[in-house]
Amino acid sequence: MESIARLSFNPLVPALCSLFIGVPAQAYDRTAIVDGPVRAQIIRVIDGDTLLVAAKPWPQQTMEVYVRLRGIDAPEMKSDCASTRVAGEQAQAALAAMAGEQTEIQLLHISGDKYFGRVLADVALTDGRNPAQELLSAGYVREYGGGRKKAETCSFW
């Protein structure tokens, strides 16, 4: 039976992520990158740029972890602005449609995210597509290279 470690927002996350990334917890550096691939299954689409997956970093081990898609930012579904919320729901629906019946995905270039409890990664779908690039090309999300986000206005773009 596979062991499941559920990562959430708690102080143990840096230590657990250090196991995933392979560095001692005290030396944890969220910019360290694991090339991958790490096999995973999508459990749930959280929003337009985040997935909850069951990653399989080691034989007979499964780790549930939130994965932020590298390079994009989706509109916030909990925005005060109705048009931003609608755009966020559209981005989530588009990602969910892409995820569809994916039996297995691959996580690549995995690193820590600015928020503990999730990782940042490139994702390859079973059919080889990169959902971040697909969402960006379709106009559901904007490019995001990290750092501070723009102040929210009532228009995501």
C-alpha atoms as a PDB file:
ATOM      1  CA  MET A   1       0.000   0.000   0.000  1.00  0.00           C
ATOM      2  CA  GLU A   2       1.327   3.430  -0.868  1.00  0.00           C
ATOM      3  CA  SER A   3       1.995   5.929   1.878  1.00  0.00           C
ATOM      4  CA  ILE A   4       0.354   9.331   1.415  1.00  0.00           C
ATOM      5  CA  ALA A   5       1.735  12.540   2.910  1.00  0.00           C
ATOM      6  CA  ARG A   6      -0.709  15.428   2.588  1.00  0.00           C
ATOM      7  CA  LEU A   7       1.036  18.783   2.432  1.00  0.00           C
ATOM      8  CA  SER A   8      -0.809  21.760   3.744  1.00  0.00           C
ATOM      9  CA  PHE A   9       0.120  25.091   5.221  1.00  0.00           C
ATOM     10  CA  ASN A  10       2.041  23.992   8.305  1.00  0.00           C
ATOM     11  CA  PRO A  11       5.586  24.269   9.664  1.00  0.00           C
ATOM     12  CA  LEU A  12       6.529  20.745   8.528  1.00  0.00           C
ATOM     13  CA  VAL A  13       6.240  21.650   4.865  1.00  0.00           C
ATOM     14  CA  PRO A  14       9.857  22.881   4.436  1.00  0.00           C
ATOM     15  CA  ALA A  15      11.116  19.593   5.860  1.00  0.00           C
ATOM     16  CA  LEU A  16       8.805  17.548   3.642  1.00  0.00           C
ATOM     17  CA  CYS A  17       9.683  19.623   0.614  1.00  0.00           C
ATOM     18  CA  SER A  18      13.343  19.122   1.435  1.00  0.00           C
ATOM     19  CA  LEU A  19      12.752  15.389   1.090  1.00  0.00           C
ATOM     20  CA  PHE A  20      11.120  15.997  -2.283  1.00  0.00           C
ATOM     21  CA  ILE A  21      13.886  18.324  -3.459  1.00  0.00           C
ATOM     22  CA  GLY A  22      16.676  16.370  -1.755  1.00  0.00           C
ATOM     23  CA  VAL A  23      18.368  18.957   0.457  1.00  0.00           C
ATOM     24  CA  PRO A  24      18.568  19.167   4.249  1.00  0.00           C
ATOM     25  CA  ALA A  25      15.623  21.057   5.804  1.00  0.00           C
ATOM     26  CA  GLN A  26      17.902  23.660   7.378  1.00  0.00           C
ATOM     27  CA  ALA A  27      19.446  24.337   3.959  1.00  0.00           C
ATOM     28  CA  TYR A  28      16.080  24.432   2.174  1.00  0.00           C
ATOM     29  CA  ASP A  29      16.199  26.833  -0.720  1.00  0.00           C
ATOM     30  CA  ARG A  30      12.983  27.328  -2.609  1.00  0.00           C
ATOM     31  CA  THR A  31      14.989  28.240  -5.699  1.00  0.00           C
ATOM     32  CA  ALA A  32      16.632  24.785  -5.844  1.00  0.00           C
ATOM     33  CA  ILE A  33      15.291  22.904  -8.854  1.00  0.00           C
ATOM     34  CA  VAL A  34      14.661  19.213  -9.380  1.00  0.00           C
ATOM     35  CA  ASP A  35      14.696  18.539 -13.110  1.00  0.00           C
ATOM     36  CA  GLY A  36      12.254  15.635 -12.906  1.00  0.00           C
ATOM     37  CA  PRO A  37      10.292  14.148 -14.375  1.00  0.00           C
ATOM     38  CA  VAL A  38       8.148  13.205 -11.404  1.00  0.00           C
ATOM     39  CA  ARG A  39       5.046  11.219 -12.279  1.00  0.00           C
ATOM     40  CA  ALA A  40       1.768  12.494 -10.824  1.00  0.00           C
ATOM     41  CA  GLN A  41      -1.988  12.186 -11.125  1.00  0.00           C
ATOM     42  CA  ILE A  42      -4.288  15.185 -10.984  1.00  0.00           C
ATOM     43  CA  ILE A  43      -6.618  15.028  -8.000  1.00  0.00           C
ATOM     44  CA  ARG A  44      -8.286  18.406  -8.476  1.00  0.00           C
ATOM     45  CA  VAL A  45      -7.953  21.667 -10.381  1.00  0.00           C
ATOM     46  CA  ILE A  46      -7.799  24.378  -7.722  1.00  0.00           C
ATOM     47  CA  ASP A  47      -7.891  27.437  -9.984  1.00  0.00           C
ATOM     48  CA  GLY A  48      -6.500  28.547 -13.330  1.00  0.00           C
ATOM     49  CA  ASP A  49      -2.860  28.101 -12.326  1.00  0.00           C
ATOM     50  CA  THR A  50      -2.854  25.532  -9.498  1.00  0.00           C
ATOM     51  CA  LEU A  51      -3.428  21.772  -9.343  1.00  0.00           C
ATOM     52  CA  LEU A  52      -3.614  19.333  -6.455  1.00  0.00           C
ATOM     53  CA  VAL A  53      -1.725  16.210  -7.517  1.00  0.00           C
ATOM     54  CA  ALA A  54      -0.678  12.850  -6.138  1.00  0.00           C
ATOM     55  CA  ALA A  55       3.039  12.892  -6.979  1.00  0.00           C
ATOM     56  CA  LYS A  56       5.125   9.727  -6.990  1.00  0.00           C
ATOM     57  CA  PRO A  57       8.681  10.887  -6.280  1.00  0.00           C
ATOM     58  CA  TRP A  58       9.914   7.482  -5.028  1.00  0.00           C
ATOM     59  CA  PRO A  59       8.886   3.857  -5.585  1.00  0.00           C
ATOM     60  CA  GLN A  60       5.824   2.915  -3.498  1.00  0.00           C
ATOM     61  CA  GLN A  61       5.446   6.481  -2.184  1.00  0.00           C
ATOM     62  CA  THR A  62       2.771   9.035  -3.035  1.00  0.00           C
ATOM     63  CA  MET A  63       2.720  12.647  -1.875  1.00  0.00           C
ATOM     64  CA  GLU A  64      -0.238  14.972  -2.310  1.00  0.00           C
ATOM     65  CA  VAL A  65       1.037  18.421  -3.144  1.00  0.00           C
ATOM     66  CA  TYR A  66      -0.314  21.635  -4.636  1.00  0.00           C
ATOM     67  CA  VAL A  67       1.468  22.534  -7.878  1.00  0.00           C
ATOM     68  CA  ARG A  68       1.569  26.089  -9.209  1.00  0.00           C
ATOM     69  CA  LEU A  69       2.055  26.101 -12.989  1.00  0.00           C
ATOM     70  CA  ARG A  70       5.315  27.892 -13.765  1.00  0.00           C
ATOM     71  CA  GLY A  71       5.227  31.083 -15.800  1.00  0.00           C
ATOM     72  CA  ILE A  72       1.576  32.091 -15.559  1.00  0.00           C
ATOM     73  CA  ASP A  73      -0.842  33.952 -13.334  1.00  0.00           C
ATOM     74  CA  ALA A  74      -4.590  33.359 -13.527  1.00  0.00           C
ATOM     75  CA  PRO A  75      -7.268  35.861 -12.480  1.00  0.00           C
ATOM     76  CA  GLU A  76      -8.308  35.423  -8.840  1.00  0.00           C
ATOM     77  CA  MET A  77     -11.611  33.630  -8.346  1.00  0.00           C
ATOM     78  CA  LYS A  78     -12.051  35.350  -4.972  1.00  0.00           C
ATOM     79  CA  SER A  79     -11.557  38.856  -6.320  1.00  0.00           C
ATOM     80  CA  ASP A  80     -13.757  41.746  -5.210  1.00  0.00           C
ATOM     81  CA  CYS A  81     -14.309  42.458  -8.904  1.00  0.00           C
ATOM     82  CA  ALA A  82     -17.016  40.421 -10.635  1.00  0.00           C
ATOM     83  CA  SER A  83     -15.312  40.464 -14.061  1.00  0.00           C
ATOM     84  CA  THR A  84     -12.058  39.187 -12.540  1.00  0.00           C
ATOM     85  CA  ARG A  85     -13.953  36.391 -10.738  1.00  0.00           C
ATOM     86  CA  VAL A  86     -15.607  35.368 -14.010  1.00  0.00           C
ATOM     87  CA  ALA A  87     -12.241  35.389 -15.813  1.00  0.00           C
ATOM     88  CA  GLY A  88     -10.794  33.264 -12.992  1.00  0.00           C
ATOM     89  CA  GLU A  89     -13.619  30.756 -13.309  1.00  0.00           C
ATOM     90  CA  GLN A  90     -13.055  30.596 -17.074  1.00  0.00           C
ATOM     91  CA  ALA A  91      -9.328  29.930 -16.566  1.00  0.00           C
ATOM     92  CA  GLN A  92     -10.127  27.191 -14.052  1.00  0.00           C
ATOM     93  CA  ALA A  93     -12.642  25.588 -16.440  1.00  0.00           C
ATOM     94  CA  ALA A  94     -10.124  25.693 -19.301  1.00  0.00           C
ATOM     95  CA  LEU A  95      -7.456  24.014 -17.141  1.00  0.00           C
ATOM     96  CA  ALA A  96      -9.986  21.422 -15.955  1.00  0.00           C
ATOM     97  CA  ALA A  97     -10.936  20.664 -19.569  1.00  0.00           C
ATOM     98  CA  MET A  98      -7.259  20.148 -20.457  1.00  0.00           C
ATOM     99  CA  ALA A  99      -6.717  17.969 -17.401  1.00  0.00           C
ATOM    100  CA  GLY A 100      -9.813  15.974 -18.351  1.00  0.00           C
ATOM    101  CA  GLU A 101      -9.088  12.272 -18.343  1.00  0.00           C
ATOM    102  CA  GLN A 102      -5.306  12.576 -17.921  1.00  0.00           C
ATOM    103  CA  THR A 103      -4.152   9.306 -16.401  1.00  0.00           C
ATOM    104  CA  GLU A 104      -0.699  10.586 -15.576  1.00  0.00           C
ATOM    105  CA  ILE A 105       1.145  13.873 -15.907  1.00  0.00           C
ATOM    106  CA  GLN A 106       4.781  14.761 -15.426  1.00  0.00           C
ATOM    107  CA  LEU A 107       6.191  17.483 -13.207  1.00  0.00           C
ATOM    108  CA  LEU A 108       9.400  19.056 -14.510  1.00  0.00           C
ATOM    109  CA  HIS A 109      11.767  21.747 -13.205  1.00  0.00           C
ATOM    110  CA  ILE A 110      10.253  21.504  -9.722  1.00  0.00           C
ATOM    111  CA  SER A 111      11.115  24.106  -7.099  1.00  0.00           C
ATOM    112  CA  GLY A 112       9.658  25.597  -3.962  1.00  0.00           C
ATOM    113  CA  ASP A 113       7.018  28.264  -4.333  1.00  0.00           C
ATOM    114  CA  LYS A 114       6.858  31.525  -2.427  1.00  0.00           C
ATOM    115  CA  TYR A 115       4.079  29.993  -0.331  1.00  0.00           C
ATOM    116  CA  PHE A 116       4.848  26.905   1.709  1.00  0.00           C
ATOM    117  CA  GLY A 117       2.487  24.064   0.943  1.00  0.00           C
ATOM    118  CA  ARG A 118       2.943  24.050  -2.805  1.00  0.00           C
ATOM    119  CA  VAL A 119       5.655  23.664  -5.399  1.00  0.00           C
ATOM    120  CA  LEU A 120       6.264  25.459  -8.655  1.00  0.00           C
ATOM    121  CA  ALA A 121       6.684  23.268 -11.748  1.00  0.00           C
ATOM    122  CA  ASP A 122       6.331  22.877 -15.460  1.00  0.00           C
ATOM    123  CA  VAL A 123       3.608  20.341 -16.212  1.00  0.00           C
ATOM    124  CA  ALA A 124       3.471  17.995 -19.181  1.00  0.00           C
ATOM    125  CA  LEU A 125       0.097  16.397 -19.905  1.00  0.00           C
ATOM    126  CA  THR A 126      -0.137  12.816 -21.148  1.00  0.00           C
ATOM    127  CA  ASP A 127      -0.502  14.090 -24.710  1.00  0.00           C
ATOM    128  CA  GLY A 128       2.659  16.223 -24.334  1.00  0.00           C
ATOM    129  CA  ARG A 129       0.948  19.614 -24.061  1.00  0.00           C
ATOM    130  CA  ASN A 130       2.063  22.209 -21.528  1.00  0.00           C
ATOM    131  CA  PRO A 131      -1.145  23.548 -19.918  1.00  0.00           C
ATOM    132  CA  ALA A 132       0.501  26.833 -18.886  1.00  0.00           C
ATOM    133  CA  GLN A 133       1.427  27.593 -22.489  1.00  0.00           C
ATOM    134  CA  GLU A 134      -2.007  26.517 -23.723  1.00  0.00           C
ATOM    135  CA  LEU A 135      -3.760  28.813 -21.220  1.00  0.00           C
ATOM    136  CA  LEU A 136      -1.426  31.681 -22.093  1.00  0.00           C
ATOM    137  CA  SER A 137      -1.947  31.236 -25.844  1.00  0.00           C
ATOM    138  CA  ALA A 138      -5.731  31.135 -25.352  1.00  0.00           C
ATOM    139  CA  GLY A 139      -5.664  34.363 -23.305  1.00  0.00           C
ATOM    140  CA  TYR A 140      -6.977  32.912 -20.033  1.00  0.00           C
ATOM    141  CA  VAL A 141      -3.848  33.866 -18.042  1.00  0.00           C
ATOM    142  CA  ARG A 142      -0.954  36.288 -18.225  1.00  0.00           C
ATOM    143  CA  GLU A 143       2.767  35.694 -18.006  1.00  0.00           C
ATOM    144  CA  TYR A 144       4.229  35.705 -14.523  1.00  0.00           C
ATOM    145  CA  GLY A 145       7.897  35.462 -13.659  1.00  0.00           C
ATOM    146  CA  GLY A 146       7.558  35.608  -9.888  1.00  0.00           C
ATOM    147  CA  GLY A 147       7.853  38.523  -7.514  1.00  0.00           C
ATOM    148  CA  ARG A 148       5.198  41.078  -6.775  1.00  0.00           C
ATOM    149  CA  LYS A 149       1.990  40.924  -8.756  1.00  0.00           C
ATOM    150  CA  LYS A 150       0.383  44.016 -10.177  1.00  0.00           C
ATOM    151  CA  ALA A 151      -2.120  45.709  -7.885  1.00  0.00           C
ATOM    152  CA  GLU A 152      -5.564  44.352  -8.686  1.00  0.00           C
ATOM    153  CA  THR A 153      -7.894  46.549 -10.622  1.00  0.00           C
ATOM    154  CA  CYS A 154     -11.316  45.572 -11.895  1.00  0.00           C
ATOM    155  CA  SER A 155      -9.674  44.332 -15.077  1.00  0.00           C
ATOM    156  CA  PHE A 156      -7.198  41.470 -14.906  1.00  0.00           C
ATOM    157  CA  TRP A 157      -5.472  42.633 -18.080  1.00  0.00           C
END
